[in-house]
């Protein structure tokens, strides 16, 4: 058996950042392009763009900066948000591994 989980950040009970948006932002950071990032993840550009716009509206600040000739980059706030979610995700992954080991792979478990 495996321990699985889903992690998302909320503000005022509205979803802000989930695994899908996290991967989208990581791809934008890597490619410097919303279009390329969306293509790499198999998302329509329009859907990706709308998700990012809604995320910025809910946050109340910009997480992306479009630079002519350079594409799209994460703002400092965007980088911090990505780092925060990444850290939270790592902690949940460690917890899942610990629980899995304790309950399913040890002599005490199933």
N, C-alpha and C. Protein backbone atom coordinates (compact mmCIF):
# COMPACT_ATOMS: atom_id res chain seq x y z
N UNK A 1 0.83 -1.19 0.00
CA UNK A 1 0.00 0.00 0.00
C UNK A 1 0.88 1.24 0.00
N UNK A 2 0.29 2.31 -0.47
CA UNK A 2 0.99 3.60 -0.55
C UNK A 2 0.17 4.68 0.15
N UNK A 3 0.85 5.63 0.72
CA UNK A 3 0.20 6.81 1.30
C UNK A 3 0.27 7.92 0.26
N UNK A 4 -0.86 8.47 -0.10
CA UNK A 4 -0.93 9.55 -1.09
C UNK A 4 -1.60 10.77 -0.47
N UNK A 5 -1.36 11.92 -1.07
CA UNK A 5 -1.93 13.16 -0.56
C UNK A 5 -2.00 14.18 -1.67
N UNK A 6 -2.81 15.20 -1.46
CA UNK A 6 -2.88 16.35 -2.37
C UNK A 6 -2.64 17.59 -1.52
N UNK A 7 -1.85 18.50 -2.04
CA UNK A 7 -1.52 19.72 -1.30
C UNK A 7 -1.90 20.92 -2.16
N UNK A 8 -2.62 21.85 -1.55
CA UNK A 8 -2.91 23.11 -2.23
C UNK A 8 -2.93 24.22 -1.20
N UNK A 9 -2.68 25.42 -1.66
CA UNK A 9 -2.73 26.59 -0.80
C UNK A 9 -4.03 27.32 -1.07
N UNK A 10 -4.65 27.81 0.00
CA UNK A 10 -5.91 28.55 -0.11
C UNK A 10 -5.78 29.92 0.53
N UNK A 11 -6.63 30.82 0.07
CA UNK A 11 -6.77 32.13 0.68
C UNK A 11 -8.25 32.45 0.67
N UNK A 12 -8.80 32.74 1.83
CA UNK A 12 -10.24 33.00 1.96
C UNK A 12 -11.07 31.87 1.34
N UNK A 13 -10.63 30.65 1.59
CA UNK A 13 -11.29 29.42 1.11
C UNK A 13 -11.30 29.29 -0.41
N UNK A 14 -10.47 30.05 -1.10
CA UNK A 14 -10.32 29.92 -2.55
C UNK A 14 -8.97 29.29 -2.84
N UNK A 15 -8.97 28.32 -3.73
CA UNK A 15 -7.73 27.64 -4.09
C UNK A 15 -6.79 28.62 -4.80
N UNK A 16 -5.54 28.63 -4.35
CA UNK A 16 -4.53 29.46 -4.99
C UNK A 16 -3.59 28.60 -5.82
N UNK A 17 -2.85 27.77 -5.13
CA UNK A 17 -1.80 27.01 -5.80
C UNK A 17 -1.95 25.54 -5.49
N UNK A 18 -2.01 24.74 -6.54
CA UNK A 18 -2.08 23.29 -6.42
C UNK A 18 -0.95 22.71 -7.25
N UNK A 19 -0.89 21.39 -7.29
CA UNK A 19 0.20 20.73 -7.99
C UNK A 19 0.27 21.13 -9.47
N UNK A 20 -0.88 21.25 -10.12
CA UNK A 20 -0.89 21.61 -11.53
C UNK A 20 -0.31 22.99 -11.79
N UNK A 21 -0.71 23.97 -11.00
CA UNK A 21 -0.19 25.33 -11.17
C UNK A 21 1.29 25.39 -10.77
N UNK A 22 1.66 24.60 -9.77
CA UNK A 22 3.07 24.52 -9.35
C UNK A 22 3.92 24.05 -10.53
N UNK A 23 3.49 22.97 -11.19
CA UNK A 23 4.24 22.46 -12.34
C UNK A 23 4.26 23.47 -13.48
N UNK A 24 3.16 24.18 -13.68
CA UNK A 24 3.11 25.21 -14.72
C UNK A 24 4.13 26.31 -14.43
N UNK A 25 4.18 26.77 -13.18
CA UNK A 25 5.14 27.81 -12.82
C UNK A 25 6.58 27.31 -12.93
N UNK A 26 6.83 26.05 -12.56
CA UNK A 26 8.18 25.48 -12.70
C UNK A 26 8.59 25.44 -14.17
N UNK A 27 7.65 25.09 -15.04
CA UNK A 27 7.95 25.04 -16.47
C UNK A 27 8.19 26.44 -17.03
N UNK A 28 7.43 27.42 -16.56
CA UNK A 28 7.65 28.80 -16.99
C UNK A 28 9.03 29.25 -16.55
N UNK A 29 9.40 28.91 -15.33
CA UNK A 29 10.73 29.25 -14.82
C UNK A 29 11.82 28.62 -15.69
N UNK A 30 11.58 27.39 -16.13
CA UNK A 30 12.56 26.66 -16.94
C UNK A 30 12.62 27.16 -18.39
N UNK A 31 11.44 27.40 -18.99
CA UNK A 31 11.39 27.73 -20.42
C UNK A 31 11.37 29.23 -20.70
N UNK A 32 10.92 30.02 -19.72
CA UNK A 32 10.79 31.46 -19.94
C UNK A 32 9.60 31.82 -20.82
N UNK A 33 8.64 30.89 -20.91
CA UNK A 33 7.50 31.12 -21.80
C UNK A 33 6.26 30.41 -21.27
N UNK A 34 5.16 31.15 -21.19
CA UNK A 34 3.89 30.53 -20.79
C UNK A 34 3.46 29.54 -21.87
N UNK A 35 3.59 29.94 -23.13
CA UNK A 35 3.18 29.08 -24.24
C UNK A 35 3.95 27.76 -24.25
N UNK A 36 5.28 27.82 -24.13
CA UNK A 36 6.09 26.60 -24.13
C UNK A 36 5.80 25.74 -22.91
N UNK A 37 5.63 26.40 -21.77
CA UNK A 37 5.33 25.67 -20.54
C UNK A 37 4.00 24.92 -20.69
N UNK A 38 2.99 25.60 -21.21
CA UNK A 38 1.68 24.98 -21.41
C UNK A 38 1.79 23.80 -22.38
N UNK A 39 2.51 24.00 -23.47
CA UNK A 39 2.70 22.92 -24.45
C UNK A 39 3.37 21.72 -23.81
N UNK A 40 4.42 21.97 -23.04
CA UNK A 40 5.16 20.88 -22.39
C UNK A 40 4.29 20.08 -21.43
N UNK A 41 3.29 20.74 -20.86
CA UNK A 41 2.40 20.08 -19.90
C UNK A 41 1.09 19.59 -20.53
N UNK A 42 0.95 19.83 -21.84
CA UNK A 42 -0.25 19.39 -22.53
C UNK A 42 -1.48 20.22 -22.22
N UNK A 43 -1.27 21.48 -21.87
CA UNK A 43 -2.37 22.40 -21.56
C UNK A 43 -2.59 23.37 -22.71
N UNK A 44 -3.83 23.72 -22.97
CA UNK A 44 -4.06 24.80 -23.93
C UNK A 44 -3.51 26.11 -23.35
N UNK A 45 -2.91 26.93 -24.19
CA UNK A 45 -2.33 28.20 -23.73
C UNK A 45 -3.37 29.05 -23.00
N UNK A 46 -4.57 29.13 -23.58
CA UNK A 46 -5.61 29.99 -22.99
C UNK A 46 -5.94 29.56 -21.56
N UNK A 47 -6.03 28.25 -21.34
CA UNK A 47 -6.33 27.74 -20.00
C UNK A 47 -5.20 28.09 -19.03
N UNK A 48 -3.96 27.90 -19.46
CA UNK A 48 -2.81 28.22 -18.62
C UNK A 48 -2.80 29.71 -18.29
N UNK A 49 -3.02 30.54 -19.29
CA UNK A 49 -3.01 31.98 -19.10
C UNK A 49 -4.10 32.41 -18.11
N UNK A 50 -5.30 31.85 -18.26
CA UNK A 50 -6.41 32.19 -17.36
C UNK A 50 -6.13 31.73 -15.93
N UNK A 51 -5.53 30.56 -15.77
CA UNK A 51 -5.19 30.06 -14.43
C UNK A 51 -4.21 31.01 -13.75
N UNK A 52 -3.22 31.46 -14.49
CA UNK A 52 -2.21 32.35 -13.93
C UNK A 52 -2.80 33.72 -13.60
N UNK A 53 -3.67 34.21 -14.47
CA UNK A 53 -4.32 35.50 -14.22
C UNK A 53 -5.17 35.43 -12.96
N UNK A 54 -5.95 34.36 -12.82
CA UNK A 54 -6.79 34.17 -11.64
C UNK A 54 -5.94 34.05 -10.37
N UNK A 55 -4.83 33.33 -10.47
CA UNK A 55 -3.93 33.18 -9.33
C UNK A 55 -3.41 34.54 -8.88
N UNK A 56 -2.97 35.36 -9.82
CA UNK A 56 -2.47 36.70 -9.46
C UNK A 56 -3.58 37.56 -8.86
N UNK A 57 -4.78 37.46 -9.40
CA UNK A 57 -5.91 38.23 -8.85
C UNK A 57 -6.20 37.82 -7.41
N UNK A 58 -6.21 36.52 -7.15
CA UNK A 58 -6.49 36.03 -5.79
C UNK A 58 -5.37 36.37 -4.81
N UNK A 59 -4.14 36.34 -5.29
CA UNK A 59 -3.01 36.69 -4.43
C UNK A 59 -2.96 38.18 -4.14
N UNK A 60 -3.35 38.97 -5.14
CA UNK A 60 -3.29 40.42 -4.98
C UNK A 60 -1.95 41.00 -5.37
N UNK A 61 -1.12 40.21 -6.04
CA UNK A 61 0.17 40.70 -6.53
C UNK A 61 0.62 39.86 -7.73
N UNK A 62 1.56 40.41 -8.47
CA UNK A 62 2.08 39.76 -9.68
C UNK A 62 3.10 38.70 -9.31
N UNK A 63 3.02 37.56 -9.97
CA UNK A 63 4.02 36.51 -9.78
C UNK A 63 4.82 36.29 -11.06
N UNK A 64 4.36 36.91 -12.15
CA UNK A 64 5.05 36.80 -13.43
C UNK A 64 5.32 38.18 -14.00
N UNK A 65 6.43 38.28 -14.69
CA UNK A 65 6.78 39.53 -15.36
C UNK A 65 7.12 39.19 -16.81
N UNK A 66 6.43 39.87 -17.72
CA UNK A 66 6.70 39.66 -19.14
C UNK A 66 7.74 40.68 -19.58
N UNK A 67 8.85 40.19 -20.13
CA UNK A 67 9.92 41.07 -20.58
C UNK A 67 10.08 40.92 -22.09
N UNK A 68 9.97 42.04 -22.78
CA UNK A 68 10.11 42.01 -24.24
C UNK A 68 11.44 41.41 -24.64
N UNK A 69 11.35 40.44 -25.54
CA UNK A 69 12.56 39.80 -26.05
C UNK A 69 13.15 38.76 -25.11
N UNK A 70 12.67 38.71 -23.88
CA UNK A 70 13.20 37.75 -22.91
C UNK A 70 12.16 36.75 -22.45
N UNK A 71 10.91 36.96 -22.82
CA UNK A 71 9.86 36.04 -22.41
C UNK A 71 9.27 36.39 -21.06
N UNK A 72 8.89 35.37 -20.33
CA UNK A 72 8.23 35.54 -19.04
C UNK A 72 9.11 35.00 -17.93
N UNK A 73 9.26 35.78 -16.88
CA UNK A 73 10.05 35.36 -15.72
C UNK A 73 9.21 35.50 -14.46
N UNK A 74 9.57 34.75 -13.44
CA UNK A 74 8.90 34.88 -12.15
C UNK A 74 9.40 36.12 -11.44
N UNK A 75 8.49 36.83 -10.81
CA UNK A 75 8.88 37.95 -9.96
C UNK A 75 9.48 37.37 -8.68
N UNK A 76 10.05 38.21 -7.85
CA UNK A 76 10.59 37.73 -6.57
C UNK A 76 9.48 37.08 -5.75
N UNK A 77 8.28 37.68 -5.77
CA UNK A 77 7.14 37.10 -5.06
C UNK A 77 6.77 35.74 -5.64
N UNK A 78 6.83 35.63 -6.95
CA UNK A 78 6.55 34.35 -7.61
C UNK A 78 7.55 33.28 -7.23
N UNK A 79 8.82 33.66 -7.17
CA UNK A 79 9.87 32.72 -6.76
C UNK A 79 9.67 32.27 -5.31
N UNK A 80 9.29 33.21 -4.45
CA UNK A 80 9.05 32.87 -3.04
C UNK A 80 7.87 31.92 -2.91
N UNK A 81 6.80 32.17 -3.67
CA UNK A 81 5.62 31.31 -3.63
C UNK A 81 5.97 29.90 -4.09
N UNK A 82 6.73 29.80 -5.17
CA UNK A 82 7.16 28.51 -5.70
C UNK A 82 8.03 27.77 -4.68
N UNK A 83 8.93 28.49 -4.06
CA UNK A 83 9.81 27.90 -3.04
C UNK A 83 9.00 27.42 -1.84
N UNK A 84 8.05 28.24 -1.39
CA UNK A 84 7.20 27.88 -0.26
C UNK A 84 6.42 26.60 -0.54
N UNK A 85 5.77 26.55 -1.69
CA UNK A 85 4.99 25.37 -2.05
C UNK A 85 5.90 24.15 -2.16
N UNK A 86 7.07 24.33 -2.75
CA UNK A 86 8.03 23.24 -2.87
C UNK A 86 8.45 22.69 -1.52
N UNK A 87 8.69 23.57 -0.56
CA UNK A 87 9.07 23.15 0.79
C UNK A 87 7.93 22.40 1.47
N UNK A 88 6.72 22.92 1.34
CA UNK A 88 5.55 22.26 1.93
C UNK A 88 5.39 20.87 1.31
N UNK A 89 5.54 20.79 0.00
CA UNK A 89 5.41 19.52 -0.71
C UNK A 89 6.45 18.51 -0.22
N UNK A 90 7.69 18.95 -0.06
CA UNK A 90 8.75 18.05 0.44
C UNK A 90 8.40 17.51 1.82
N UNK A 91 7.88 18.37 2.69
CA UNK A 91 7.52 17.93 4.04
C UNK A 91 6.39 16.90 4.00
N UNK A 92 5.40 17.11 3.14
CA UNK A 92 4.33 16.13 3.00
C UNK A 92 4.86 14.82 2.43
N UNK A 93 5.79 14.90 1.47
CA UNK A 93 6.37 13.68 0.90
C UNK A 93 7.13 12.89 1.96
N UNK A 94 7.90 13.60 2.79
CA UNK A 94 8.61 12.93 3.88
C UNK A 94 7.64 12.28 4.85
N UNK A 95 6.58 12.99 5.20
CA UNK A 95 5.58 12.45 6.11
C UNK A 95 4.92 11.21 5.51
N UNK A 96 4.58 11.26 4.23
CA UNK A 96 3.97 10.11 3.57
C UNK A 96 4.91 8.91 3.60
N UNK A 97 6.20 9.14 3.35
CA UNK A 97 7.19 8.06 3.40
C UNK A 97 7.29 7.47 4.80
N UNK A 98 7.30 8.34 5.81
CA UNK A 98 7.38 7.88 7.20
C UNK A 98 6.15 7.04 7.57
N UNK A 99 4.97 7.52 7.19
CA UNK A 99 3.74 6.79 7.49
C UNK A 99 3.69 5.45 6.75
N UNK A 100 4.12 5.47 5.51
CA UNK A 100 4.16 4.25 4.72
C UNK A 100 5.09 3.23 5.37
N UNK A 101 6.26 3.69 5.75
CA UNK A 101 7.23 2.81 6.40
C UNK A 101 6.67 2.26 7.71
N UNK A 102 6.08 3.12 8.50
CA UNK A 102 5.56 2.71 9.81
C UNK A 102 4.41 1.72 9.69
N UNK A 103 3.45 2.01 8.82
CA UNK A 103 2.23 1.21 8.78
C UNK A 103 2.23 0.07 7.76
N UNK A 104 3.06 0.15 6.74
CA UNK A 104 2.98 -0.87 5.70
C UNK A 104 4.26 -1.65 5.47
N UNK A 105 5.40 -1.16 5.94
CA UNK A 105 6.66 -1.85 5.67
C UNK A 105 7.39 -2.31 6.92
N UNK A 106 6.91 -1.95 8.06
CA UNK A 106 7.58 -2.35 9.30
C UNK A 106 6.92 -3.60 9.87
N UNK A 107 7.52 -4.16 10.89
CA UNK A 107 6.96 -5.35 11.54
C UNK A 107 5.67 -5.02 12.29
N UNK A 108 5.46 -3.71 12.57
CA UNK A 108 4.26 -3.29 13.30
C UNK A 108 3.06 -3.11 12.36
N UNK A 109 3.32 -2.99 11.08
CA UNK A 109 2.26 -2.64 10.13
C UNK A 109 1.53 -3.84 9.57
N UNK A 110 0.79 -3.63 8.49
CA UNK A 110 -0.01 -4.66 7.82
C UNK A 110 0.86 -5.79 7.33
